[in-house]
Protein backbone atom coordinates (compact mmCIF):
# COMPACT_ATOMS: atom_id res chain seq x y z
CA MET A 1 -20.26 -34.95 -1.70
CA GLU A 2 -18.34 -33.65 1.27
CA PHE A 3 -15.79 -30.88 0.61
CA ASN A 4 -12.41 -32.81 2.43
CA HIS A 5 -9.05 -31.01 2.69
CA TYR A 6 -6.94 -31.44 5.55
CA SER A 7 -5.68 -28.27 6.68
CA VAL A 8 -2.17 -28.15 6.27
CA MET A 9 0.12 -26.61 9.06
CA LEU A 10 -3.30 -25.29 10.88
CA GLU A 11 -1.98 -24.51 13.89
CA GLU A 12 1.31 -23.11 12.74
CA THR A 13 -0.69 -21.06 10.29
CA ILE A 14 -2.50 -19.93 12.60
CA GLU A 15 0.04 -18.49 15.10
CA ASN A 16 1.97 -16.67 12.60
CA LEU A 17 -1.11 -14.90 11.07
CA ASN A 18 -0.93 -13.28 14.86
CA ILE A 19 -4.78 -12.72 15.17
CA LYS A 20 -6.04 -9.81 16.64
CA PRO A 21 -10.02 -10.34 17.84
CA ASP A 22 -10.46 -6.85 16.31
CA GLY A 23 -8.22 -7.55 12.82
CA ILE A 24 -9.42 -7.98 9.24
CA TYR A 25 -8.16 -10.84 7.80
CA VAL A 26 -8.51 -12.47 4.31
CA ASP A 27 -8.28 -16.32 3.11
CA GLY A 28 -7.51 -15.60 -0.61
CA THR A 29 -8.03 -19.95 -1.00
CA LEU A 30 -11.04 -20.28 1.10
CA GLY A 31 -11.10 -24.07 0.25
CA GLY A 32 -13.22 -26.38 2.98
CA ALA A 33 -12.70 -23.11 5.47
CA GLY A 34 -10.47 -25.31 7.63
CA HIS A 35 -7.66 -22.28 8.53
CA SER A 36 -10.56 -19.73 7.85
CA SER A 37 -12.98 -21.29 10.90
CA GLU A 38 -9.98 -21.21 12.78
CA ILE A 39 -9.29 -17.33 12.12
CA ALA A 40 -13.09 -16.99 12.50
CA LYS A 41 -13.34 -18.54 15.75
CA ARG A 42 -10.71 -16.13 17.20
CA LEU A 43 -12.38 -12.74 16.20
CA THR A 44 -14.86 -10.59 18.05
CA THR A 45 -15.70 -7.24 16.27
CA GLY A 46 -13.25 -8.24 13.20
CA LYS A 47 -13.76 -9.82 9.88
CA LEU A 48 -13.12 -12.91 7.95
CA ILE A 49 -13.04 -12.10 4.36
CA GLY A 50 -13.07 -15.48 2.27
CA ILE A 51 -12.13 -16.16 -1.47
CA ASP A 52 -12.33 -18.88 -3.58
CA GLN A 53 -12.96 -19.23 -7.24
CA ASP A 54 -14.33 -23.23 -7.20
CA ALA A 55 -18.42 -22.76 -6.46
CA ASN A 56 -18.00 -26.28 -4.66
CA ALA A 57 -15.47 -24.64 -2.34
CA ILE A 58 -17.81 -21.58 -1.94
CA GLU A 59 -20.70 -24.06 -0.94
CA ALA A 60 -18.41 -26.04 1.50
CA ALA A 61 -17.22 -22.88 3.38
CA THR A 62 -20.42 -21.01 4.03
CA GLU A 63 -21.84 -23.75 5.53
CA ARG A 64 -18.46 -24.48 7.75
CA LEU A 65 -18.76 -20.92 8.55
CA GLU A 66 -22.38 -20.57 9.28
CA PRO A 67 -21.84 -20.18 12.99
CA TYR A 68 -19.25 -17.57 12.12
CA LYS A 69 -21.27 -15.54 9.62
CA ASP A 70 -21.73 -12.42 11.63
CA ARG A 71 -17.95 -12.18 10.92
CA VAL A 72 -17.13 -13.36 7.60
CA GLU A 73 -17.68 -12.13 4.04
CA ILE A 74 -17.75 -14.74 0.98
CA VAL A 75 -16.61 -13.87 -2.43
CA ARG A 76 -16.21 -16.23 -5.25
CA SER A 77 -13.50 -14.99 -6.96
CA ASN A 78 -9.89 -15.31 -7.86
CA TYR A 79 -7.39 -13.74 -5.19
CA GLU A 80 -5.73 -12.07 -7.99
CA ASN A 81 -8.60 -9.74 -7.54
CA MET A 82 -8.17 -9.48 -3.73
CA VAL A 83 -7.16 -5.82 -3.26
CA ASN A 84 -10.57 -4.97 -5.47
CA VAL A 85 -12.50 -7.17 -3.16
CA VAL A 86 -11.10 -5.60 0.04
CA HIS A 87 -11.85 -2.43 -1.13
CA SER A 88 -15.50 -3.19 -2.44
CA LEU A 89 -16.11 -4.49 0.90
CA GLY A 90 -14.88 -0.75 2.11
CA TYR A 91 -11.48 -1.90 4.07
CA ASP A 92 -8.36 0.26 2.86
CA HIS A 93 -6.07 -2.35 4.60
CA VAL A 94 -6.16 -5.85 6.37
CA ASP A 95 -4.36 -7.07 9.37
CA GLY A 96 -3.49 -11.01 7.44
CA ILE A 97 -3.39 -12.59 4.71
CA LEU A 98 -3.37 -16.11 3.80
CA LEU A 99 -2.92 -18.29 1.08
CA ASP A 100 -3.15 -22.27 0.89
CA LEU A 101 -1.95 -22.96 -2.68
CA GLY A 102 -2.73 -26.82 -2.80
CA VAL A 103 -5.32 -28.56 -4.95
CA SER A 104 -7.91 -29.41 -2.22
CA SER A 105 -8.60 -33.17 -1.51
CA PHE A 106 -11.99 -32.57 -3.01
CA GLN A 107 -10.95 -31.24 -6.13
CA LEU A 108 -8.29 -34.44 -6.20
CA ASP A 109 -10.50 -37.11 -5.25
CA THR A 110 -13.60 -35.93 -7.71
CA ALA A 111 -13.01 -37.65 -11.02
CA SER A 112 -15.62 -35.13 -12.57
CA ARG A 113 -13.26 -32.54 -11.87
CA GLY A 114 -10.35 -34.04 -13.72
CA PHE A 115 -7.55 -33.06 -11.41
CA SER A 116 -6.37 -36.62 -10.98
CA TYR A 117 -4.36 -39.02 -12.72
CA ARG A 118 -5.58 -42.01 -10.79
CA ASP A 119 -9.26 -41.98 -12.33
CA GLU A 120 -8.75 -43.85 -16.01
CA ASP A 121 -12.42 -42.51 -17.14
CA ALA A 122 -11.75 -39.23 -15.97
CA VAL A 123 -12.32 -36.23 -18.25
CA LEU A 124 -9.66 -33.88 -18.54
CA ASP A 125 -10.96 -30.89 -16.72
CA MET A 126 -8.65 -29.37 -14.34
CA ARG A 127 -10.54 -25.99 -14.04
CA MET A 128 -10.10 -24.60 -10.34
CA ASP A 129 -12.87 -21.97 -11.39
CA GLN A 130 -15.41 -24.08 -13.91
CA ARG A 131 -16.90 -20.65 -15.39
CA ASN A 132 -13.46 -21.08 -17.27
CA PRO A 133 -14.41 -21.77 -20.65
CA LYS A 134 -10.92 -23.51 -21.22
CA THR A 135 -10.21 -27.38 -19.56
CA ALA A 136 -7.09 -29.40 -19.83
CA ALA A 137 -8.53 -31.28 -22.60
CA ASP A 138 -8.11 -28.39 -24.79
CA ILE A 139 -4.50 -27.90 -23.73
CA VAL A 140 -3.37 -31.30 -24.57
CA ASN A 141 -5.56 -31.37 -28.12
CA GLU A 142 -4.39 -27.74 -29.23
CA TYR A 143 -1.32 -26.49 -27.90
CA SER A 144 1.59 -26.91 -30.34
CA GLU A 145 3.85 -29.39 -29.96
CA MET A 146 6.63 -26.66 -28.73
CA GLU A 147 4.04 -25.17 -26.24
CA LEU A 148 3.42 -28.51 -24.55
CA PHE A 149 7.19 -29.03 -24.49
CA HIS A 150 7.65 -25.84 -22.49
CA ILE A 151 4.84 -26.15 -20.31
CA ILE A 152 5.87 -29.62 -19.29
CA ARG A 153 9.39 -28.88 -18.85
CA ASP A 154 8.89 -25.89 -16.78
CA PHE A 155 5.83 -26.31 -14.48
CA GLY A 156 6.34 -29.76 -14.16
CA GLU A 157 10.13 -29.69 -14.33
CA ASP A 158 10.00 -33.08 -16.25
CA ARG A 159 13.37 -33.87 -18.04
CA PHE A 160 11.26 -36.29 -20.80
CA ALA A 161 9.27 -33.53 -21.94
CA LYS A 162 10.42 -33.27 -25.13
CA ASN A 163 9.73 -36.59 -25.33
CA ILE A 164 6.07 -36.61 -23.98
CA ALA A 165 4.87 -33.44 -26.14
CA LYS A 166 6.01 -35.16 -29.15
CA HIS A 167 4.00 -38.47 -28.21
CA ILE A 168 1.05 -36.20 -27.23
CA VAL A 169 0.90 -34.74 -30.78
CA LYS A 170 1.35 -38.01 -32.44
CA ALA A 171 -1.57 -39.42 -30.46
CA ARG A 172 -3.98 -36.71 -30.94
CA ALA A 173 -3.69 -36.57 -34.60
CA GLU A 174 -5.31 -40.44 -34.63
CA LYS A 175 -7.99 -39.28 -31.95
CA ARG A 176 -8.71 -36.35 -29.57
CA ILE A 177 -7.46 -36.76 -25.93
CA GLU A 178 -10.35 -36.68 -23.48
CA THR A 179 -9.81 -38.80 -20.47
CA ALA A 180 -6.87 -39.54 -17.82
CA GLY A 181 -6.65 -43.28 -19.10
CA GLN A 182 -5.74 -42.09 -22.63
CA LEU A 183 -2.84 -39.51 -21.63
CA ASN A 184 -1.72 -41.54 -18.76
CA GLU A 185 -1.25 -44.44 -21.61
CA ILE A 186 0.81 -41.41 -24.07
CA ILE A 187 2.63 -40.46 -21.22
CA ARG A 188 3.94 -44.05 -20.04
CA ALA A 189 4.94 -44.83 -23.58
CA ALA A 190 6.90 -41.53 -23.80
CA ILE A 191 9.16 -42.34 -20.40
CA PRO A 192 11.81 -44.98 -20.28
CA LYS A 193 10.49 -48.38 -18.20
CA LYS A 194 13.20 -48.51 -15.67
CA ILE A 195 12.30 -44.80 -15.09
CA GLN A 196 8.76 -46.01 -14.20
CA VAL A 197 9.76 -48.61 -11.78
CA THR A 198 11.95 -46.26 -9.52
CA GLY A 199 10.49 -42.44 -10.16
CA GLY A 200 6.67 -42.58 -9.13
CA ARG A 201 3.72 -41.97 -11.15
CA PRO A 202 5.12 -40.74 -14.48
CA GLU A 203 1.90 -38.78 -15.02
CA LYS A 204 2.46 -36.84 -11.94
CA ARG A 205 4.66 -33.78 -13.39
CA THR A 206 2.78 -33.50 -16.80
CA TYR A 207 -0.63 -33.38 -14.76
CA GLN A 208 1.06 -30.83 -12.61
CA ALA A 209 2.13 -28.67 -15.66
CA ILE A 210 -1.15 -28.82 -17.23
CA ARG A 211 -2.98 -27.87 -13.95
CA ILE A 212 -0.90 -24.58 -13.57
CA GLU A 213 -0.92 -23.28 -16.91
CA LEU A 214 -4.75 -23.63 -17.33
CA ASN A 215 -5.40 -22.00 -13.93
CA ARG A 216 -2.41 -19.86 -14.56
CA GLU A 217 -1.00 -20.41 -11.04
CA LEU A 218 2.52 -19.24 -11.14
CA GLU A 219 1.47 -15.72 -13.16
CA VAL A 220 -1.60 -15.24 -10.56
CA LEU A 221 1.10 -15.58 -7.68
CA ARG A 222 4.02 -13.75 -9.07
CA GLN A 223 1.43 -11.00 -10.24
CA ASN A 224 -0.43 -10.53 -7.13
CA LEU A 225 2.28 -11.04 -4.04
CA THR A 226 3.17 -7.06 -3.83
CA ASP A 227 -0.10 -5.67 -4.07
CA MET A 228 -0.96 -7.95 -1.32
CA ILE A 229 2.02 -7.08 0.69
CA ASP A 230 0.91 -3.41 0.41
CA LEU A 231 -2.36 -4.36 1.37
CA LEU A 232 -1.12 -5.48 4.59
CA ASN A 233 -1.86 -2.74 7.80
CA GLU A 234 1.48 -1.92 9.91
CA ASP A 235 2.49 -5.24 11.46
CA GLY A 236 0.03 -7.04 9.43
CA ARG A 237 1.30 -10.62 8.28
CA ILE A 238 0.97 -12.58 4.73
CA CYS A 239 1.19 -16.60 5.50
CA ILE A 240 1.22 -18.14 2.34
CA ILE A 241 1.57 -22.49 1.99
CA THR A 242 3.22 -23.74 -1.23
CA PHE A 243 3.35 -27.17 -2.65
CA HIS A 244 6.11 -27.31 -5.10
CA SER A 245 9.54 -25.43 -5.68
CA LEU A 246 8.05 -23.43 -8.33
CA GLU A 247 5.69 -21.62 -6.05
CA ASP A 248 7.91 -21.69 -2.89
CA ARG A 249 10.60 -19.81 -4.93
CA ILE A 250 8.34 -17.40 -5.98
CA VAL A 251 7.40 -16.59 -2.01
CA LYS A 252 10.95 -16.46 -1.38
CA ASN A 253 12.31 -14.35 -3.69
CA ASN A 254 9.36 -11.68 -3.40
CA PHE A 255 9.49 -11.51 0.18
CA ARG A 256 13.26 -11.13 0.14
CA THR A 257 12.85 -8.38 -2.53
CA ASN A 258 10.02 -6.69 -0.38
CA GLU A 259 12.63 -7.00 2.59
CA ASN A 260 15.72 -5.42 0.98
CA PRO A 261 14.41 -3.75 -2.23
CA CYS A 262 17.60 -1.45 -2.99
CA THR A 263 19.08 -1.86 -6.55
CA CYS A 264 22.49 0.19 -6.08
CA PRO A 265 25.40 -1.21 -6.30
CA SER A 266 27.10 -2.74 -3.11
CA ASP A 267 29.74 -0.12 -3.33
CA PHE A 268 27.35 2.82 -3.08
CA PRO A 269 28.54 4.12 0.28
CA VAL A 270 24.57 5.46 0.61
CA CYS A 271 21.35 4.32 -1.18
CA VAL A 272 20.33 6.50 -4.08
CA CYS A 273 17.66 4.24 -5.80
CA GLY A 274 15.04 5.49 -3.29
CA LYS A 275 13.13 1.98 -3.13
CA LYS A 276 12.03 1.13 1.03
CA SER A 277 11.66 -2.19 2.33
CA LYS A 278 7.87 -3.05 2.78
CA GLY A 279 8.88 -5.01 5.96
CA LYS A 280 10.46 -8.52 7.28
CA VAL A 281 10.63 -11.89 6.18
CA ILE A 282 9.67 -13.76 9.17
CA THR A 283 10.78 -17.52 8.26
CA ARG A 284 14.32 -17.43 7.05
CA LYS A 285 13.72 -20.94 6.14
CA PRO A 286 10.26 -22.02 5.59
CA ILE A 287 8.38 -23.55 7.91
CA LEU A 288 7.53 -27.58 7.46
CA PRO A 289 4.94 -29.97 8.62
CA SER A 290 5.62 -31.82 11.90
CA ASP A 291 5.75 -35.48 11.70
CA LYS A 292 2.69 -35.77 13.25
CA GLU A 293 0.88 -34.43 10.57
CA LEU A 294 3.05 -36.30 7.77
CA GLU A 295 1.66 -39.54 9.42
CA GLU A 296 -1.89 -37.96 9.20
CA ASN A 297 -1.88 -36.69 5.78
CA SER A 298 1.09 -37.73 3.18
CA ARG A 299 -0.15 -34.97 1.09
CA SER A 300 1.51 -32.16 3.04
CA LYS A 301 4.75 -34.00 2.52
CA SER A 302 6.15 -31.01 0.01
CA ALA A 303 4.54 -28.07 1.93
CA LYS A 304 6.39 -25.04 2.90
CA LEU A 305 5.11 -22.11 4.99
CA ARG A 306 6.48 -18.85 4.71
CA VAL A 307 5.51 -15.72 6.41
CA PHE A 308 6.19 -12.12 5.79
CA GLU A 309 5.20 -9.16 8.31
CA ARG A 310 4.60 -5.47 6.82
CA HIS A 311 6.37 -2.74 8.31
CA ILE A 312 5.85 0.86 6.70
CA ALA A 313 8.76 2.69 5.89
CA GLU A 314 8.84 6.38 7.49
């Protein structure tokens, strides 16, 4: 099956990376290599390092980047290991980093991957890395009611989280929940009918929450952003595309803190905390998809691109 993934805000991202022909660039979420092929195309003596934890993505990207194989290194890993991957390939720093945090169209549209609520027969999998022994079904069937409530409330931002968690626990006491169809039925029963009529697919938020928990998406992002900024050369840039408010908030706050890390009280005449700025935020407001892109790909509608440029303090 072809690894389809519309490259969200492709032109805007490439433009903001300020690609130099001899630079070193990292795509930490390689996917189908849409962004990466555009980066590789612009390199001469430079290098592109592509990282992805999904075996299907690695296969598809390897094929797509074949014409540029002399300037590309592909590594199957989670981008949380980016610093180690870069150092293991012999580089101290890089000139640009890209993260496109969306779930690929391939993952959503391949029923056996279990990411989508649309295929009733799909097993609840949702693993971005299929070497992970834990699946979405394990979370649904083994987490306590309180744990389920917390992830659906915090990661799904669903106001009916308490009721959904209660319904899941009640249903699984009778029979293990294995498929999207079973879970969909449980979620619908937990949400008032009148909300379902106006609020879009009621399952969407719960699926998002389970996927984020299973793949540790927010944790990986939060814990590794500053290390990625430290990996950049002077004037190097990190471009991050997010798809929901939780990710966007983490990126926005991290970039802001790295631009102005001083923790001294505002009435101090001079800084005494000694924390130095690591650079500047290029995007005061996030870049959003163009009208043309939204027409071509409805999945980009929640996308936001934020950019940070590294400046090493004297």
